[in-house]
Amino acid sequence: MTRTLLKACPICGWKSLPIVYGYPTSDMFERKDIVLGGCIIDPMYPDRSCSNCDWEGQEWAVLAPLPYRVWILEDPSGENRPIGLVTERFDSIVERFFLGGWEDPTSTRSYQQWLKSVGQPIVWCAMASDLDPECFPHFRSGQTWSSQLELEAMGFKRLDQKAPRFRFEATAWPPKGGAN
């Protein structure tokens, strides 16, 4: 991995910022290139924070494997089919839901083209371990859902964030062993 990727959030791929601990100076409150972490300093506290999602962690652990997350990205207009992905990290896509009514991005470029056509998608996310295992066959079959309430009942949360910067070229496809 390049130095640039080390600074990327492992969850969504957006820029991560250093967390600064200790008593802040007055100019630190205005800065956009750091996150204030509080007065107490502990070496086990996170030292990086994502500028897009809620991830916080230590820079040394940025390359560590993470639990699988299931992502659904929808076009608010309904003109484009949704994208469904299972990821370990933003640059490690484990599975794509592409049968039936799902869009099948096969490269970073095709994903970016889908995003460009959609604008700002609706982003849903859930930890794979928090989902009922029956959700996976449901998604693999290309079935859709009837409402936001149904996704929430499955365990998904709608995120108020930019779409993740997934990197498909870093992925070995097909996955070994699947996502569940």
C-alpha atoms as a PDB file:
ATOM      1  CA  MET A   1       0.000   0.000   0.000  1.00  0.00           C
ATOM      2  CA  THR A   2       1.128   3.487  -0.713  1.00  0.00           C
ATOM      3  CA  ARG A   3       1.548   6.144   1.937  1.00  0.00           C
ATOM      4  CA  THR A   4      -1.620   7.859   0.639  1.00  0.00           C
ATOM      5  CA  LEU A   5      -3.712   4.761   1.319  1.00  0.00           C
ATOM      6  CA  LEU A   6      -2.322   4.539   4.853  1.00  0.00           C
ATOM      7  CA  LYS A   7      -4.052   7.858   5.568  1.00  0.00           C
ATOM      8  CA  ALA A   8      -7.341   6.683   4.041  1.00  0.00           C
ATOM      9  CA  CYS A   9     -10.174   5.487   6.240  1.00  0.00           C
ATOM     10  CA  PRO A  10     -10.233   1.673   6.100  1.00  0.00           C
ATOM     11  CA  ILE A  11     -14.047   1.702   6.110  1.00  0.00           C
ATOM     12  CA  CYS A  12     -14.988   4.205   3.395  1.00  0.00           C
ATOM     13  CA  GLY A  13     -11.694   5.260   1.815  1.00  0.00           C
ATOM     14  CA  TRP A  14     -12.032   8.982   2.510  1.00  0.00           C
ATOM     15  CA  LYS A  15      -9.259  11.064   4.077  1.00  0.00           C
ATOM     16  CA  SER A  16      -8.534  10.372   7.725  1.00  0.00           C
ATOM     17  CA  LEU A  17      -7.327  13.118  10.034  1.00  0.00           C
ATOM     18  CA  PRO A  18      -4.945  12.981  13.002  1.00  0.00           C
ATOM     19  CA  ILE A  19      -6.534  13.137  16.447  1.00  0.00           C
ATOM     20  CA  VAL A  20      -4.715  15.590  18.708  1.00  0.00           C
ATOM     21  CA  TYR A  21      -4.895  15.098  22.482  1.00  0.00           C
ATOM     22  CA  GLY A  22      -3.979  17.496  25.255  1.00  0.00           C
ATOM     23  CA  TYR A  23      -5.080  21.006  26.109  1.00  0.00           C
ATOM     24  CA  PRO A  24      -5.858  22.763  22.777  1.00  0.00           C
ATOM     25  CA  THR A  25      -4.738  26.262  21.882  1.00  0.00           C
ATOM     26  CA  SER A  26      -7.393  28.712  20.689  1.00  0.00           C
ATOM     27  CA  ASP A  27      -6.380  28.393  17.015  1.00  0.00           C
ATOM     28  CA  MET A  28      -6.835  24.590  17.128  1.00  0.00           C
ATOM     29  CA  PHE A  29     -10.619  24.973  17.401  1.00  0.00           C
ATOM     30  CA  GLU A  30     -10.721  26.539  13.911  1.00  0.00           C
ATOM     31  CA  ARG A  31      -8.490  24.004  12.160  1.00  0.00           C
ATOM     32  CA  LYS A  32     -10.051  21.590   9.678  1.00  0.00           C
ATOM     33  CA  ASP A  33      -6.985  19.334   9.333  1.00  0.00           C
ATOM     34  CA  ILE A  34      -7.137  17.803  12.843  1.00  0.00           C
ATOM     35  CA  VAL A  35      -9.680  16.334  15.244  1.00  0.00           C
ATOM     36  CA  LEU A  36      -9.521  17.329  18.903  1.00  0.00           C
ATOM     37  CA  GLY A  37      -9.446  14.239  21.094  1.00  0.00           C
ATOM     38  CA  GLY A  38      -9.674  15.627  24.620  1.00  0.00           C
ATOM     39  CA  CYS A  39      -7.292  16.482  27.420  1.00  0.00           C
ATOM     40  CA  ILE A  40      -6.426  12.977  28.596  1.00  0.00           C
ATOM     41  CA  ILE A  41      -3.554  11.372  26.675  1.00  0.00           C
ATOM     42  CA  ASP A  42      -3.346   7.574  26.483  1.00  0.00           C
ATOM     43  CA  PRO A  43      -1.273   5.603  23.963  1.00  0.00           C
ATOM     44  CA  MET A  44      -4.194   3.210  23.410  1.00  0.00           C
ATOM     45  CA  TYR A  45      -6.587   5.962  22.290  1.00  0.00           C
ATOM     46  CA  PRO A  46      -7.270   6.278  18.557  1.00  0.00           C
ATOM     47  CA  ASP A  47      -4.957   8.597  16.641  1.00  0.00           C
ATOM     48  CA  ARG A  48      -6.847   8.814  13.303  1.00  0.00           C
ATOM     49  CA  SER A  49     -10.440   9.834  12.560  1.00  0.00           C
ATOM     50  CA  CYS A  50     -12.330   9.630   9.264  1.00  0.00           C
ATOM     51  CA  SER A  51     -13.459  12.892   7.678  1.00  0.00           C
ATOM     52  CA  ASN A  52     -16.545  11.133   6.248  1.00  0.00           C
ATOM     53  CA  CYS A  53     -17.808   8.270   8.433  1.00  0.00           C
ATOM     54  CA  ASP A  54     -17.618   7.490  12.140  1.00  0.00           C
ATOM     55  CA  TRP A  55     -14.410   5.385  12.060  1.00  0.00           C
ATOM     56  CA  GLU A  56     -11.665   6.124  14.569  1.00  0.00           C
ATOM     57  CA  GLY A  57      -8.586   3.991  15.091  1.00  0.00           C
ATOM     58  CA  GLN A  58      -4.857   3.845  15.412  1.00  0.00           C
ATOM     59  CA  GLU A  59      -2.714   4.417  12.345  1.00  0.00           C
ATOM     60  CA  TRP A  60      -0.663   1.275  12.981  1.00  0.00           C
ATOM     61  CA  ALA A  61      -3.862  -0.802  12.745  1.00  0.00           C
ATOM     62  CA  VAL A  62      -5.110   0.723   9.497  1.00  0.00           C
ATOM     63  CA  LEU A  63      -3.971  -2.295   7.473  1.00  0.00           C
ATOM     64  CA  ALA A  64      -5.448  -4.876   9.846  1.00  0.00           C
ATOM     65  CA  PRO A  65      -8.358  -7.056   8.673  1.00  0.00           C
ATOM     66  CA  LEU A  66     -11.709  -5.655   9.705  1.00  0.00           C
ATOM     67  CA  PRO A  67     -15.092  -7.328  10.204  1.00  0.00           C
ATOM     68  CA  TYR A  68     -17.175  -7.631   7.044  1.00  0.00           C
ATOM     69  CA  ARG A  69     -19.594  -4.791   6.326  1.00  0.00           C
ATOM     70  CA  VAL A  70     -22.545  -4.991   3.962  1.00  0.00           C
ATOM     71  CA  TRP A  71     -23.193  -1.867   1.906  1.00  0.00           C
ATOM     72  CA  ILE A  72     -26.212  -0.937  -0.181  1.00  0.00           C
ATOM     73  CA  LEU A  73     -26.063   2.169  -2.337  1.00  0.00           C
ATOM     74  CA  GLU A  74     -29.311   3.363  -3.879  1.00  0.00           C
ATOM     75  CA  ASP A  75     -30.150   5.970  -6.465  1.00  0.00           C
ATOM     76  CA  PRO A  76     -32.660   8.321  -4.763  1.00  0.00           C
ATOM     77  CA  SER A  77     -34.418   8.806  -8.124  1.00  0.00           C
ATOM     78  CA  GLY A  78     -34.804   5.043  -8.608  1.00  0.00           C
ATOM     79  CA  GLU A  79     -33.471   5.306 -12.185  1.00  0.00           C
ATOM     80  CA  ASN A  80     -30.322   3.243 -11.532  1.00  0.00           C
ATOM     81  CA  ARG A  81     -30.278  -0.202  -9.981  1.00  0.00           C
ATOM     82  CA  PRO A  82     -28.810  -0.410  -6.449  1.00  0.00           C
ATOM     83  CA  ILE A  83     -25.310  -1.664  -5.730  1.00  0.00           C
ATOM     84  CA  GLY A  84     -24.737  -4.222  -2.986  1.00  0.00           C
ATOM     85  CA  LEU A  85     -21.281  -5.046  -1.667  1.00  0.00           C
ATOM     86  CA  VAL A  86     -19.644  -6.888   1.196  1.00  0.00           C
ATOM     87  CA  THR A  87     -16.317  -5.388   2.198  1.00  0.00           C
ATOM     88  CA  GLU A  88     -13.588  -6.047   4.684  1.00  0.00           C
ATOM     89  CA  ARG A  89     -12.068  -2.645   3.948  1.00  0.00           C
ATOM     90  CA  PHE A  90     -12.848  -0.035   1.322  1.00  0.00           C
ATOM     91  CA  ASP A  91     -10.099  -1.565  -0.826  1.00  0.00           C
ATOM     92  CA  SER A  92     -11.023  -5.196  -0.146  1.00  0.00           C
ATOM     93  CA  ILE A  93     -14.372  -6.123  -1.664  1.00  0.00           C
ATOM     94  CA  VAL A  94     -15.320  -9.626  -0.614  1.00  0.00           C
ATOM     95  CA  GLU A  95     -18.596 -10.093  -2.478  1.00  0.00           C
ATOM     96  CA  ARG A  96     -20.824  -8.186  -4.880  1.00  0.00           C
ATOM     97  CA  PHE A  97     -24.564  -8.683  -5.088  1.00  0.00           C
ATOM     98  CA  PHE A  98     -25.095  -8.628  -8.826  1.00  0.00           C
ATOM     99  CA  LEU A  99     -27.820 -11.123  -9.725  1.00  0.00           C
ATOM    100  CA  GLY A 100     -31.313 -10.025 -10.627  1.00  0.00           C
ATOM    101  CA  GLY A 101     -31.916  -6.365  -9.980  1.00  0.00           C
ATOM    102  CA  TRP A 102     -28.454  -5.344  -8.743  1.00  0.00           C
ATOM    103  CA  GLU A 103     -25.925  -3.237 -10.597  1.00  0.00           C
ATOM    104  CA  ASP A 104     -22.643  -5.070 -11.141  1.00  0.00           C
ATOM    105  CA  PRO A 105     -19.669  -2.718 -10.854  1.00  0.00           C
ATOM    106  CA  THR A 106     -16.618  -4.669 -11.937  1.00  0.00           C
ATOM    107  CA  SER A 107     -14.011  -1.950 -11.619  1.00  0.00           C
ATOM    108  CA  THR A 108     -13.346   1.261  -9.783  1.00  0.00           C
ATOM    109  CA  ARG A 109     -14.136   3.092 -13.031  1.00  0.00           C
ATOM    110  CA  SER A 110     -17.568   1.455 -13.459  1.00  0.00           C
ATOM    111  CA  TYR A 111     -18.370   2.220  -9.814  1.00  0.00           C
ATOM    112  CA  GLN A 112     -17.342   5.858 -10.278  1.00  0.00           C
ATOM    113  CA  GLN A 113     -19.473   6.093 -13.448  1.00  0.00           C
ATOM    114  CA  TRP A 114     -22.470   4.782 -11.498  1.00  0.00           C
ATOM    115  CA  LEU A 115     -21.834   7.371  -8.776  1.00  0.00           C
ATOM    116  CA  LYS A 116     -21.574  10.131 -11.367  1.00  0.00           C
ATOM    117  CA  SER A 117     -24.924   9.151 -12.907  1.00  0.00           C
ATOM    118  CA  VAL A 118     -26.578   9.009  -9.488  1.00  0.00           C
ATOM    119  CA  GLY A 119     -25.046  12.074  -7.844  1.00  0.00           C
ATOM    120  CA  GLN A 120     -25.345  11.485  -4.104  1.00  0.00           C
ATOM    121  CA  PRO A 121     -26.634   7.943  -3.430  1.00  0.00           C
ATOM    122  CA  ILE A 122     -28.467   6.821  -0.348  1.00  0.00           C
ATOM    123  CA  VAL A 123     -25.896   4.839   1.667  1.00  0.00           C
ATOM    124  CA  TRP A 124     -26.913   1.922   3.906  1.00  0.00           C
ATOM    125  CA  CYS A 125     -24.470  -0.138   5.960  1.00  0.00           C
ATOM    126  CA  ALA A 126     -24.522  -3.012   8.437  1.00  0.00           C
ATOM    127  CA  MET A 127     -21.947  -5.242  10.055  1.00  0.00           C
ATOM    128  CA  ALA A 128     -22.318  -8.647   8.382  1.00  0.00           C
ATOM    129  CA  SER A 129     -22.261 -10.336  11.796  1.00  0.00           C
ATOM    130  CA  ASP A 130     -25.288  -8.255  12.874  1.00  0.00           C
ATOM    131  CA  LEU A 131     -27.438  -9.411   9.956  1.00  0.00           C
ATOM    132  CA  ASP A 132     -29.635 -12.493   9.874  1.00  0.00           C
ATOM    133  CA  PRO A 133     -27.785 -15.062   7.702  1.00  0.00           C
ATOM    134  CA  GLU A 134     -30.996 -15.365   5.641  1.00  0.00           C
ATOM    135  CA  CYS A 135     -30.336 -11.859   4.275  1.00  0.00           C
ATOM    136  CA  PHE A 136     -27.448 -13.101   2.139  1.00  0.00           C
ATOM    137  CA  PRO A 137     -29.452 -15.533  -0.036  1.00  0.00           C
ATOM    138  CA  HIS A 138     -32.126 -12.813  -0.301  1.00  0.00           C
ATOM    139  CA  PHE A 139     -29.605 -10.331  -1.685  1.00  0.00           C
ATOM    140  CA  ARG A 140     -27.773 -12.865  -3.861  1.00  0.00           C
ATOM    141  CA  SER A 141     -31.048 -13.731  -5.575  1.00  0.00           C
ATOM    142  CA  GLY A 142     -31.397 -10.108  -6.652  1.00  0.00           C
ATOM    143  CA  GLN A 143     -34.576  -9.528  -4.708  1.00  0.00           C
ATOM    144  CA  THR A 144     -35.381  -6.008  -3.672  1.00  0.00           C
ATOM    145  CA  TRP A 145     -36.908  -4.626  -0.519  1.00  0.00           C
ATOM    146  CA  SER A 146     -40.163  -2.803  -0.117  1.00  0.00           C
ATOM    147  CA  SER A 147     -39.199   0.045   2.172  1.00  0.00           C
ATOM    148  CA  GLN A 148     -36.680   1.814   4.340  1.00  0.00           C
ATOM    149  CA  LEU A 149     -38.352   0.140   7.323  1.00  0.00           C
ATOM    150  CA  GLU A 150     -37.535  -3.287   5.906  1.00  0.00           C
ATOM    151  CA  LEU A 151     -33.830  -2.423   5.578  1.00  0.00           C
ATOM    152  CA  GLU A 152     -33.819  -1.014   9.118  1.00  0.00           C
ATOM    153  CA  ALA A 153     -35.563  -4.163  10.390  1.00  0.00           C
ATOM    154  CA  MET A 154     -32.770  -6.241   8.788  1.00  0.00           C
ATOM    155  CA  GLY A 155     -30.204  -4.227  10.765  1.00  0.00           C
ATOM    156  CA  PHE A 156     -29.058  -1.635   8.217  1.00  0.00           C
ATOM    157  CA  LYS A 157     -28.431   1.965   9.174  1.00  0.00           C
ATOM    158  CA  ARG A 158     -28.825   4.817   6.731  1.00  0.00           C
ATOM    159  CA  LEU A 159     -25.636   6.840   6.816  1.00  0.00           C
ATOM    160  CA  ASP A 160     -25.373  10.560   6.316  1.00  0.00           C
ATOM    161  CA  GLN A 161     -22.098  10.474   4.438  1.00  0.00           C
ATOM    162  CA  LYS A 162     -20.536  10.523   1.008  1.00  0.00           C
ATOM    163  CA  ALA A 163     -20.438   7.234  -0.843  1.00  0.00           C
ATOM    164  CA  PRO A 164     -17.456   5.026   0.044  1.00  0.00           C
ATOM    165  CA  ARG A 165     -14.457   5.202  -2.318  1.00  0.00           C
ATOM    166  CA  PHE A 166     -14.376   1.499  -3.102  1.00  0.00           C
ATOM    167  CA  ARG A 167     -11.331   0.188  -5.004  1.00  0.00           C
ATOM    168  CA  PHE A 168     -12.252  -2.838  -7.094  1.00  0.00           C
ATOM    169  CA  GLU A 169      -8.820  -3.447  -8.614  1.00  0.00           C
ATOM    170  CA  ALA A 170      -7.453  -4.391  -5.193  1.00  0.00           C
ATOM    171  CA  THR A 171      -9.940  -7.246  -4.994  1.00  0.00           C
ATOM    172  CA  ALA A 172      -9.449 -10.886  -5.798  1.00  0.00           C
ATOM    173  CA  TRP A 173     -12.602 -12.113  -7.524  1.00  0.00           C
ATOM    174  CA  PRO A 174     -14.379 -14.415  -7.019  1.00  0.00           C
ATOM    175  CA  PRO A 175     -14.088 -14.417  -3.224  1.00  0.00           C
ATOM    176  CA  LYS A 176     -12.795 -17.412  -1.346  1.00  0.00           C
ATOM    177  CA  GLY A 177     -15.442 -18.675   1.045  1.00  0.00           C
ATOM    178  CA  GLY A 178     -17.977 -15.842   0.598  1.00  0.00           C
ATOM    179  CA  ALA A 179     -19.055 -13.334   3.182  1.00  0.00           C
ATOM    180  CA  ASN A 180     -20.924 -15.370   5.738  1.00  0.00           C
END
